[in-house]
Each structure stands twice: as C-alpha cells, then as structure tokens.
Amino acid sequence: MTLSIRKKSVEEMVRTLAKRRGVSITAVVETAVAAEFKRDRETPSESAARILARYGLSFPPGREPVPQSAYHDLDHDLIGEDD
C-alpha cells in the first residue's frame, strides 16, 4: 500500500525524524498514528455513558464496575449485530 504525503513540510519532518531515530519513515508514521489512535479512542465506560446519555440516563454515584461479560453484548449493540 502506498501513502502519499503531498505537503512538503510534513514529508520533510517525517524524513528528518526517521533519520534522527534511525528508523524507517513507515515506523515514524506508524508511531505517530498509533499514538493518536490510542488518544482518540473511546473507552468502554465512555461508550456506555454516551449510550445512557442518549436516553437521558447516567451511571449512579458509587456504582460497581460493569462485569467483563457485559462488554460482549455492548460490542454487538454498538456495531449493530443482533446476537
């Protein structure tokens, strides 16, 4: 797969950083995108709070954490699968 960086200043930054670190330009882009992806990702608790808020609900104060088994059903609800 080819990724084209059309903005010259961005390409220069990527190449400079790759040279400084002694890694490939792919490694530089992968590290940057992975960090942004991790930072931007919604946690399961945030997903649940968002869904509850849609219905005018919220988590009660002092609630216990949701059991891991509940996340399977939540995942299916979020992607639109029935079962």
Protein backbone atom coordinates (compact mmCIF):
# COMPACT_ATOMS: atom_id res chain seq x y z
CA MET A 1 0.00 0.00 0.00
CA THR A 2 1.27 3.45 -0.83
CA LEU A 3 0.72 6.53 1.29
CA SER A 4 1.38 9.84 -0.39
CA ILE A 5 2.27 12.87 1.71
CA ARG A 6 1.61 15.84 -0.51
CA LYS A 7 2.62 18.59 1.89
CA LYS A 8 6.38 19.03 1.53
CA SER A 9 6.90 20.33 5.08
CA VAL A 10 5.23 17.23 6.56
CA GLU A 11 7.29 14.91 4.38
CA GLU A 12 10.47 16.69 5.49
CA MET A 13 9.52 16.37 9.17
CA VAL A 14 8.84 12.65 8.77
CA ARG A 15 12.11 12.04 6.93
CA THR A 16 14.10 14.13 9.44
CA LEU A 17 12.59 12.31 12.41
CA ALA A 18 13.23 8.92 10.77
CA LYS A 19 16.87 9.85 10.20
CA ARG A 20 17.31 11.13 13.78
CA ARG A 21 15.83 7.95 15.23
CA GLY A 22 17.49 5.60 12.76
CA VAL A 23 14.17 4.07 11.71
CA SER A 24 12.12 3.90 8.54
CA ILE A 25 9.65 6.59 7.55
CA THR A 26 6.96 3.93 7.91
CA ALA A 27 7.96 3.44 11.56
CA VAL A 28 7.71 7.19 12.20
CA VAL A 29 4.24 7.41 10.64
CA GLU A 30 3.10 4.22 12.41
CA THR A 31 4.23 5.51 15.82
CA ALA A 32 2.51 8.88 15.33
CA VAL A 33 -0.75 7.40 14.05
CA ALA A 34 -0.84 4.71 16.76
CA ALA A 35 -0.38 7.37 19.47
CA GLU A 36 -3.19 9.48 18.03
CA PHE A 37 -5.44 6.45 17.60
CA LYS A 38 -4.90 5.45 21.23
CA ARG A 39 -5.51 9.00 22.45
CA ASP A 40 -8.66 9.42 20.38
CA ARG A 41 -10.27 6.07 21.20
CA GLU A 42 -13.41 5.89 23.28
CA THR A 43 -13.16 3.64 26.35
CA PRO A 44 -15.91 1.10 27.10
CA SER A 45 -17.06 3.26 30.04
CA GLU A 46 -17.26 6.30 27.79
CA SER A 47 -19.26 4.31 25.23
CA ALA A 48 -21.68 3.16 27.92
CA ALA A 49 -22.05 6.68 29.33
CA ARG A 50 -22.70 8.04 25.83
CA ILE A 51 -25.39 5.41 25.17
CA LEU A 52 -27.03 6.05 28.54
CA ALA A 53 -26.98 9.81 27.95
CA ARG A 54 -28.81 9.29 24.66
CA TYR A 55 -31.74 8.03 26.74
CA GLY A 56 -31.41 10.65 29.47
CA LEU A 57 -29.76 8.20 31.86
CA SER A 58 -26.43 8.15 33.68
CA PHE A 59 -24.37 5.95 35.95
CA PRO A 60 -25.49 6.14 39.61
CA PRO A 61 -22.93 7.52 42.07
CA GLY A 62 -20.79 4.84 43.72
CA ARG A 63 -21.74 2.15 41.19
CA GLU A 64 -19.75 -1.04 40.82
CA PRO A 65 -17.78 -1.61 37.60
CA VAL A 66 -19.55 -3.40 34.77
CA PRO A 67 -18.57 -7.10 34.62
CA GLN A 68 -16.32 -8.06 31.69
CA SER A 69 -19.03 -10.39 30.34
CA ALA A 70 -21.29 -7.41 29.64
CA TYR A 71 -18.86 -5.93 27.13
CA HIS A 72 -19.57 -8.71 24.62
CA ASP A 73 -23.22 -7.63 24.39
CA LEU A 74 -22.26 -3.95 24.34
CA ASP A 75 -19.87 -4.53 21.43
CA HIS A 76 -22.61 -6.22 19.43
CA ASP A 77 -25.05 -3.41 20.20
CA LEU A 78 -22.54 -0.79 19.05
CA ILE A 79 -21.86 -2.46 15.71
CA GLY A 80 -25.49 -3.31 15.08
CA GLU A 81 -25.40 -7.10 15.40
CA ASP A 82 -28.46 -8.78 16.84
CA ASP A 83 -26.68 -11.67 18.54
